[in-house]
N, C-alpha and C. Protein backbone atom coordinates (compact mmCIF):
# COMPACT_ATOMS: atom_id res chain seq x y z
N UNK A 1 36.43 70.82 121.24
CA UNK A 1 37.50 70.68 122.28
C UNK A 1 37.40 72.00 123.00
N UNK A 2 37.54 71.93 124.36
CA UNK A 2 37.56 73.05 125.25
C UNK A 2 38.88 73.96 124.92
N UNK A 3 38.70 75.25 124.86
CA UNK A 3 39.81 76.11 124.53
C UNK A 3 40.80 76.16 125.67
N UNK A 4 40.38 75.85 126.87
CA UNK A 4 41.30 75.92 128.03
C UNK A 4 42.20 74.72 128.15
N UNK A 5 41.68 73.54 127.78
CA UNK A 5 42.50 72.33 127.98
C UNK A 5 43.19 71.96 126.75
N UNK A 6 44.32 71.47 126.85
CA UNK A 6 45.08 70.93 125.66
C UNK A 6 45.51 69.59 126.05
N UNK A 7 45.57 68.78 125.08
CA UNK A 7 46.06 67.32 125.24
C UNK A 7 47.58 67.32 124.95
N UNK A 8 48.36 66.71 125.73
CA UNK A 8 49.69 66.62 125.55
C UNK A 8 50.10 65.16 125.39
N UNK A 9 50.68 64.84 124.26
CA UNK A 9 51.24 63.53 123.96
C UNK A 9 52.72 63.48 123.96
N UNK A 10 53.25 62.29 124.03
CA UNK A 10 54.64 62.19 124.04
C UNK A 10 55.23 62.56 122.59
N UNK A 11 54.48 62.36 121.55
CA UNK A 11 54.96 62.82 120.29
C UNK A 11 54.69 64.32 120.03
N UNK A 12 55.69 65.11 119.70
CA UNK A 12 55.41 66.49 119.58
C UNK A 12 54.53 66.85 118.40
N UNK A 13 54.41 66.12 117.44
CA UNK A 13 53.55 66.48 116.30
C UNK A 13 52.10 66.17 116.63
N UNK A 14 51.83 65.06 117.40
CA UNK A 14 50.44 64.91 117.92
C UNK A 14 50.03 65.95 118.90
N UNK A 15 50.97 66.44 119.67
CA UNK A 15 50.64 67.54 120.50
C UNK A 15 50.38 68.82 119.83
N UNK A 16 51.13 69.01 118.77
CA UNK A 16 50.90 70.19 117.97
C UNK A 16 49.58 70.10 117.15
N UNK A 17 49.15 68.89 116.73
CA UNK A 17 47.88 68.72 116.11
C UNK A 17 46.80 68.97 117.08
N UNK A 18 47.09 68.60 118.38
CA UNK A 18 46.03 68.87 119.50
C UNK A 18 45.89 70.37 119.63
N UNK A 19 47.01 71.05 119.44
CA UNK A 19 46.87 72.56 119.65
C UNK A 19 46.10 73.14 118.38
N UNK A 20 46.24 72.66 117.28
CA UNK A 20 45.49 73.06 116.09
C UNK A 20 44.05 72.61 116.21
N UNK A 21 43.84 71.60 116.94
CA UNK A 21 42.46 71.01 117.00
C UNK A 21 41.47 71.97 117.79
N UNK A 22 42.02 72.90 118.55
CA UNK A 22 41.11 73.87 119.24
C UNK A 22 40.52 74.87 118.26
N UNK A 23 40.98 74.85 117.05
CA UNK A 23 40.44 75.76 116.02
C UNK A 23 39.46 75.00 115.09
N UNK A 24 39.61 73.68 114.97
CA UNK A 24 38.79 72.89 114.14
C UNK A 24 37.45 72.45 114.81
N UNK A 25 36.45 72.34 113.95
CA UNK A 25 35.20 72.02 114.44
C UNK A 25 34.95 70.42 114.60
N UNK A 26 35.61 69.70 113.61
CA UNK A 26 35.54 68.30 113.59
C UNK A 26 36.95 67.80 113.12
N UNK A 27 37.11 66.50 113.02
CA UNK A 27 38.47 65.99 112.72
C UNK A 27 38.90 66.26 111.28
N UNK A 28 37.92 66.33 110.33
CA UNK A 28 38.25 66.73 108.95
C UNK A 28 38.73 68.09 108.90
N UNK A 29 38.13 69.06 109.51
CA UNK A 29 38.66 70.44 109.52
C UNK A 29 39.88 70.61 110.34
N UNK A 30 40.10 69.82 111.35
CA UNK A 30 41.37 69.94 112.10
C UNK A 30 42.48 69.30 111.18
N UNK A 31 42.26 68.24 110.48
CA UNK A 31 43.26 67.72 109.64
C UNK A 31 43.67 68.74 108.52
N UNK A 32 42.62 69.36 107.84
CA UNK A 32 42.88 70.42 106.93
C UNK A 32 43.68 71.55 107.51
N UNK A 33 43.32 72.00 108.60
CA UNK A 33 44.19 73.10 109.29
C UNK A 33 45.59 72.60 109.60
N UNK A 34 45.73 71.40 110.01
CA UNK A 34 47.18 71.05 110.40
C UNK A 34 47.95 70.81 109.06
N UNK A 35 47.35 70.40 107.98
CA UNK A 35 47.96 70.26 106.67
C UNK A 35 48.25 71.76 106.20
N UNK A 36 47.34 72.64 106.34
CA UNK A 36 47.65 74.08 105.99
C UNK A 36 48.81 74.63 106.78
N UNK A 37 48.99 74.27 108.04
CA UNK A 37 50.01 74.71 108.82
C UNK A 37 51.35 74.20 108.32
N UNK A 38 51.42 72.88 107.93
CA UNK A 38 52.56 72.27 107.39
C UNK A 38 52.93 73.02 106.06
N UNK A 39 51.93 73.27 105.23
CA UNK A 39 52.07 73.95 103.95
C UNK A 39 52.75 75.25 104.13
N UNK A 40 52.20 76.10 105.06
CA UNK A 40 52.67 77.42 105.34
C UNK A 40 54.10 77.35 105.88
N UNK A 41 54.49 76.31 106.72
CA UNK A 41 55.80 76.12 107.17
C UNK A 41 56.79 75.90 105.98
N UNK A 42 56.38 75.15 105.07
CA UNK A 42 57.16 74.87 103.91
C UNK A 42 57.32 76.00 103.13
N UNK A 43 56.35 76.80 102.94
CA UNK A 43 56.53 78.10 102.10
C UNK A 43 57.35 79.16 102.79
N UNK A 44 57.38 79.14 104.08
CA UNK A 44 58.13 80.23 104.80
C UNK A 44 59.65 79.81 104.77
N UNK A 45 60.00 78.58 104.79
CA UNK A 45 61.41 78.11 104.82
C UNK A 45 62.02 78.27 103.41
N UNK A 46 63.08 79.02 103.33
CA UNK A 46 63.68 79.17 102.01
C UNK A 46 64.53 78.04 101.46
N UNK A 47 64.94 77.16 102.49
CA UNK A 47 65.75 76.05 102.07
C UNK A 47 64.78 74.84 101.72
N UNK A 48 63.58 74.96 101.97
CA UNK A 48 62.55 74.06 101.67
C UNK A 48 62.78 72.66 102.39
N UNK A 49 63.11 72.78 103.70
CA UNK A 49 63.26 71.55 104.48
C UNK A 49 61.82 70.90 104.65
N UNK A 50 61.88 69.69 105.17
CA UNK A 50 60.53 69.00 105.45
C UNK A 50 59.86 69.81 106.53
N UNK A 51 58.57 70.11 106.30
CA UNK A 51 57.94 70.87 107.34
C UNK A 51 57.81 70.17 108.68
N UNK A 52 57.67 68.81 108.58
CA UNK A 52 57.48 68.13 109.81
C UNK A 52 58.76 68.16 110.64
N UNK A 53 59.94 68.03 109.95
CA UNK A 53 61.19 68.21 110.64
C UNK A 53 61.30 69.67 111.29
N UNK A 54 60.88 70.62 110.45
CA UNK A 54 60.93 71.92 110.95
C UNK A 54 60.10 72.20 112.15
N UNK A 55 58.90 71.68 112.19
CA UNK A 55 58.03 71.79 113.38
C UNK A 55 58.57 71.07 114.50
N UNK A 56 59.14 69.92 114.29
CA UNK A 56 59.75 69.10 115.45
C UNK A 56 60.95 70.00 115.99
N UNK A 57 61.80 70.49 115.15
CA UNK A 57 62.95 71.36 115.53
C UNK A 57 62.47 72.51 116.30
N UNK A 58 61.33 73.15 115.84
CA UNK A 58 60.87 74.37 116.47
C UNK A 58 60.52 74.03 117.88
N UNK A 59 59.73 72.88 118.14
CA UNK A 59 59.26 72.52 119.36
C UNK A 59 60.46 72.21 120.25
N UNK A 60 61.43 71.53 119.70
CA UNK A 60 62.62 71.20 120.40
C UNK A 60 63.35 72.39 120.88
N UNK A 61 63.35 73.39 120.04
CA UNK A 61 63.97 74.68 120.47
C UNK A 61 63.15 75.56 121.45
N UNK A 62 61.90 75.29 121.56
CA UNK A 62 61.13 75.97 122.57
C UNK A 62 61.02 75.35 123.94
N UNK A 63 61.48 74.05 123.95
CA UNK A 63 61.42 73.29 125.23
C UNK A 63 62.49 73.85 126.19
N UNK A 64 61.97 74.23 127.41
CA UNK A 64 62.87 74.73 128.51
C UNK A 64 63.35 73.54 129.33
N UNK A 65 64.62 73.60 129.71
CA UNK A 65 65.18 72.51 130.45
C UNK A 65 64.77 72.64 132.03
N UNK A 66 64.54 73.83 132.46
CA UNK A 66 64.27 74.13 133.89
C UNK A 66 62.96 74.92 133.90
N UNK A 67 62.24 74.69 135.03
CA UNK A 67 61.08 75.41 135.35
C UNK A 67 61.05 75.94 136.80
N UNK A 68 59.99 76.53 137.23
CA UNK A 68 59.92 77.04 138.62
C UNK A 68 58.88 76.33 139.42
N UNK A 69 59.20 75.95 140.64
CA UNK A 69 58.25 75.29 141.62
C UNK A 69 58.08 76.23 142.77
N UNK A 70 56.85 76.45 143.11
CA UNK A 70 56.49 77.35 144.26
C UNK A 70 56.59 76.46 145.50
N UNK A 71 57.44 76.94 146.43
CA UNK A 71 57.46 76.22 147.79
C UNK A 71 57.30 77.23 148.90
N UNK A 72 56.52 76.89 149.89
CA UNK A 72 56.27 77.83 151.06
C UNK A 72 57.12 77.35 152.19
N UNK A 73 57.99 78.38 152.59
CA UNK A 73 58.86 78.11 153.76
C UNK A 73 58.64 79.21 154.71
N UNK A 74 58.24 78.84 155.92
CA UNK A 74 58.10 79.82 156.99
C UNK A 74 57.09 80.96 156.59
N UNK A 75 56.00 80.57 155.83
CA UNK A 75 55.03 81.61 155.50
C UNK A 75 55.35 82.38 154.28
N UNK A 76 56.43 82.18 153.73
CA UNK A 76 56.82 82.95 152.50
C UNK A 76 57.01 81.93 151.31
N UNK A 77 56.39 82.41 150.19
CA UNK A 77 56.48 81.62 148.97
C UNK A 77 57.70 81.86 148.19
N UNK A 78 58.41 80.86 147.78
CA UNK A 78 59.64 81.00 146.97
C UNK A 78 59.49 80.33 145.62
N UNK A 79 59.93 80.85 144.57
CA UNK A 79 59.94 80.12 143.31
C UNK A 79 61.24 79.45 143.19
N UNK A 80 61.25 78.15 143.22
CA UNK A 80 62.56 77.37 143.18
C UNK A 80 62.73 76.79 141.88
N UNK A 81 63.88 76.89 141.27
CA UNK A 81 64.16 76.24 139.91
C UNK A 81 64.21 74.73 140.10
N UNK A 82 63.59 73.96 139.05
CA UNK A 82 63.73 72.56 139.06
C UNK A 82 63.79 72.02 137.72
N UNK A 83 64.56 70.93 137.50
CA UNK A 83 64.60 70.38 136.12
C UNK A 83 63.31 69.75 135.68
N UNK A 84 62.99 69.84 134.38
CA UNK A 84 61.72 69.36 133.91
C UNK A 84 61.91 68.08 133.30
N UNK A 85 60.88 67.24 133.32
CA UNK A 85 60.75 65.98 132.65
C UNK A 85 60.48 66.28 131.07
N UNK A 86 60.63 65.35 130.25
CA UNK A 86 60.36 65.47 128.78
C UNK A 86 58.91 65.95 128.49
N UNK A 87 58.04 65.35 129.26
CA UNK A 87 56.56 65.64 129.08
C UNK A 87 56.29 67.21 129.58
N UNK A 88 56.88 67.50 130.68
CA UNK A 88 56.69 68.96 131.15
C UNK A 88 57.40 69.93 130.18
N UNK A 89 58.54 69.55 129.64
CA UNK A 89 59.15 70.41 128.60
C UNK A 89 58.28 70.64 127.47
N UNK A 90 57.54 69.57 126.97
CA UNK A 90 56.71 69.74 125.90
C UNK A 90 55.44 70.51 126.24
N UNK A 91 54.90 70.33 127.57
CA UNK A 91 53.86 71.15 127.95
C UNK A 91 54.17 72.67 128.00
N UNK A 92 55.30 73.02 128.45
CA UNK A 92 55.72 74.35 128.47
C UNK A 92 55.83 74.88 127.08
N UNK A 93 56.48 74.15 126.12
CA UNK A 93 56.68 74.61 124.81
C UNK A 93 55.31 74.86 124.13
N UNK A 94 54.36 74.00 124.29
CA UNK A 94 53.03 74.18 123.73
C UNK A 94 52.26 75.36 124.40
N UNK A 95 52.47 75.45 125.70
CA UNK A 95 51.80 76.66 126.38
C UNK A 95 52.41 77.96 125.91
N UNK A 96 53.70 78.00 125.59
CA UNK A 96 54.24 79.18 125.08
C UNK A 96 53.55 79.58 123.68
N UNK A 97 53.40 78.57 122.88
CA UNK A 97 52.69 78.69 121.57
C UNK A 97 51.26 79.08 121.77
N UNK A 98 50.69 78.49 122.70
CA UNK A 98 49.23 78.82 122.93
C UNK A 98 49.01 80.26 123.48
N UNK A 99 49.99 80.72 124.28
CA UNK A 99 49.84 82.18 124.72
C UNK A 99 49.98 83.09 123.47
N UNK A 100 50.84 82.84 122.57
CA UNK A 100 50.93 83.71 121.52
C UNK A 100 49.77 83.57 120.46
N UNK A 101 48.94 82.47 120.65
CA UNK A 101 47.71 82.38 119.79
C UNK A 101 46.56 82.98 120.35
N UNK A 102 46.53 83.31 121.56
CA UNK A 102 45.23 83.78 122.24
C UNK A 102 44.62 85.07 121.73
N UNK A 103 45.48 85.84 121.09
CA UNK A 103 45.07 87.10 120.59
C UNK A 103 44.40 87.05 119.32
N UNK A 104 44.46 85.90 118.53
CA UNK A 104 43.86 85.83 117.26
C UNK A 104 42.43 85.15 117.26
N UNK A 105 41.56 85.91 116.73
CA UNK A 105 40.12 85.27 116.77
C UNK A 105 39.77 84.48 115.55
N UNK A 106 40.30 85.02 114.39
CA UNK A 106 40.03 84.19 113.23
C UNK A 106 40.93 82.96 113.09
N UNK A 107 40.30 81.90 112.60
CA UNK A 107 41.02 80.65 112.49
C UNK A 107 42.23 80.78 111.43
N UNK A 108 41.92 81.42 110.30
CA UNK A 108 43.00 81.61 109.31
C UNK A 108 44.14 82.41 109.86
N UNK A 109 43.86 83.48 110.66
CA UNK A 109 44.86 84.28 111.12
C UNK A 109 45.68 83.44 112.18
N UNK A 110 45.09 82.62 113.02
CA UNK A 110 45.71 81.86 114.08
C UNK A 110 46.63 80.89 113.51
N UNK A 111 46.29 80.16 112.39
CA UNK A 111 47.08 79.18 111.77
C UNK A 111 48.28 79.81 111.10
N UNK A 112 48.10 80.95 110.54
CA UNK A 112 49.24 81.74 109.88
C UNK A 112 50.13 82.25 111.01
N UNK A 113 49.60 82.62 112.15
CA UNK A 113 50.43 83.16 113.19
C UNK A 113 51.17 81.93 113.86
N UNK A 114 50.59 80.79 113.95
CA UNK A 114 51.20 79.63 114.47
C UNK A 114 52.38 79.19 113.54
N UNK A 115 52.14 79.16 112.27
CA UNK A 115 53.19 78.84 111.31
C UNK A 115 54.28 79.74 111.41
N UNK A 116 54.04 81.11 111.47
CA UNK A 116 55.05 82.07 111.64
C UNK A 116 55.81 81.96 112.94
N UNK A 117 55.09 81.73 114.06
CA UNK A 117 55.83 81.52 115.30
C UNK A 117 56.67 80.29 115.33
N UNK A 118 56.21 79.25 114.76
CA UNK A 118 57.03 77.97 114.65
C UNK A 118 58.26 78.18 113.83
N UNK A 119 58.12 78.95 112.77
CA UNK A 119 59.34 79.22 111.83
C UNK A 119 60.35 80.15 112.62
N UNK A 120 59.80 81.20 113.27
CA UNK A 120 60.71 82.01 114.05
C UNK A 120 61.32 81.31 115.27
N UNK A 121 60.61 80.37 115.87
CA UNK A 121 61.23 79.66 116.98
C UNK A 121 62.33 78.74 116.41
N UNK A 122 62.25 78.31 115.20
CA UNK A 122 63.37 77.51 114.68
C UNK A 122 64.59 78.25 114.36
N UNK A 123 64.46 79.52 114.33
CA UNK A 123 65.64 80.45 114.17
C UNK A 123 66.05 81.12 115.51
N UNK A 124 65.28 80.91 116.56
CA UNK A 124 65.60 81.44 117.90
C UNK A 124 65.09 82.88 118.01
N UNK A 125 63.95 83.19 117.44
CA UNK A 125 63.26 84.44 117.55
C UNK A 125 61.77 84.19 117.77
N UNK A 126 60.99 85.36 117.82
CA UNK A 126 59.63 85.20 117.96
C UNK A 126 59.05 85.28 119.37
N UNK A 127 57.75 85.45 119.53
CA UNK A 127 57.21 85.70 120.83
C UNK A 127 57.23 84.40 121.78
N UNK A 128 57.10 83.28 121.14
CA UNK A 128 57.21 82.10 122.04
C UNK A 128 58.54 81.82 122.60
N UNK A 129 59.59 82.10 121.70
CA UNK A 129 60.97 82.00 122.11
C UNK A 129 61.24 83.00 123.27
N UNK A 130 60.67 84.20 123.07
CA UNK A 130 60.90 85.28 124.18
C UNK A 130 60.40 84.82 125.51
N UNK A 131 59.14 84.10 125.41
CA UNK A 131 58.63 83.61 126.66
C UNK A 131 59.59 82.55 127.30
N UNK A 132 60.23 81.67 126.48
CA UNK A 132 61.17 80.73 127.01
C UNK A 132 62.43 81.49 127.68
N UNK A 133 62.78 82.58 127.06
CA UNK A 133 64.02 83.33 127.50
C UNK A 133 63.59 83.98 128.81
N UNK A 134 62.32 84.46 128.92
CA UNK A 134 61.95 85.15 130.25
C UNK A 134 61.85 84.12 131.26
N UNK A 135 61.41 82.81 130.90
CA UNK A 135 61.32 81.88 131.99
C UNK A 135 62.74 81.53 132.44
N UNK A 136 63.73 81.43 131.53
CA UNK A 136 65.07 81.31 131.94
C UNK A 136 65.60 82.51 132.77
N UNK A 137 65.18 83.65 132.57
CA UNK A 137 65.61 84.81 133.29
C UNK A 137 65.09 84.64 134.73
N UNK A 138 63.84 84.18 134.91
CA UNK A 138 63.17 83.99 136.17
C UNK A 138 63.99 82.87 136.95
N UNK A 139 64.35 81.82 136.26
CA UNK A 139 65.14 80.72 136.85
C UNK A 139 66.52 81.22 137.36
N UNK A 140 67.08 82.10 136.50
CA UNK A 140 68.37 82.64 136.97
C UNK A 140 68.26 83.52 138.18
N UNK A 141 67.19 84.36 138.25
CA UNK A 141 67.00 85.18 139.42
C UNK A 141 66.72 84.37 140.61
N UNK A 142 65.99 83.26 140.52
CA UNK A 142 65.63 82.37 141.62
C UNK A 142 66.62 81.41 141.98
N UNK A 143 67.82 81.40 141.41
CA UNK A 143 68.76 80.46 141.62
C UNK A 143 69.29 80.37 143.14
N UNK A 144 69.18 81.49 143.84
CA UNK A 144 69.67 81.61 145.22
C UNK A 144 68.82 80.89 146.13
N UNK A 145 67.51 80.55 145.64
CA UNK A 145 66.61 79.81 146.52
C UNK A 145 66.70 78.31 146.48
N UNK A 146 67.70 77.83 145.81
CA UNK A 146 67.99 76.30 145.64
C UNK A 146 68.17 75.68 146.99
N UNK A 147 68.57 76.35 147.99
CA UNK A 147 68.72 75.84 149.31
C UNK A 147 67.48 75.31 149.94
N UNK A 148 66.29 75.87 149.51
CA UNK A 148 65.03 75.35 150.04
C UNK A 148 64.60 74.06 149.38
N UNK A 149 65.25 73.70 148.27
CA UNK A 149 64.73 72.52 147.57
C UNK A 149 64.80 71.25 148.31
N UNK A 150 65.78 71.02 149.10
CA UNK A 150 65.98 69.77 149.85
C UNK A 150 65.04 69.68 151.19
N UNK A 151 64.54 70.79 151.65
CA UNK A 151 63.84 70.78 152.90
C UNK A 151 62.44 70.22 152.74
């Protein structure tokens, strides 16, 4: 799978598996890496919740409700806040996770970092959650440009 493109599905777990698939060479290795991710999630959580529920909750916690759309008005580009669809929210959540994984070269490190980031996202911390908060800060700053949305 190309490292630049990610498949996005309606199911968050399938999308998360597609994110893991960029580290696997074949389906068997991808499945093993995904199971390792779930195992690491289970080990990180002290309450021993179901790792699938924890991963879904983390992705739900990373989904932004609003995004920015660039609109050109009179030769000037403005970033205008807009509500996101469910699919766009999942795309943003996975891109936040993908940004935090770009620095890891080894597969083992990347899977451990992904498990760590998912666990921290479930508690409202971590690099991916900070990316979501910075997006919200940009949306808050661009709120005054909402008047251009209807034109």
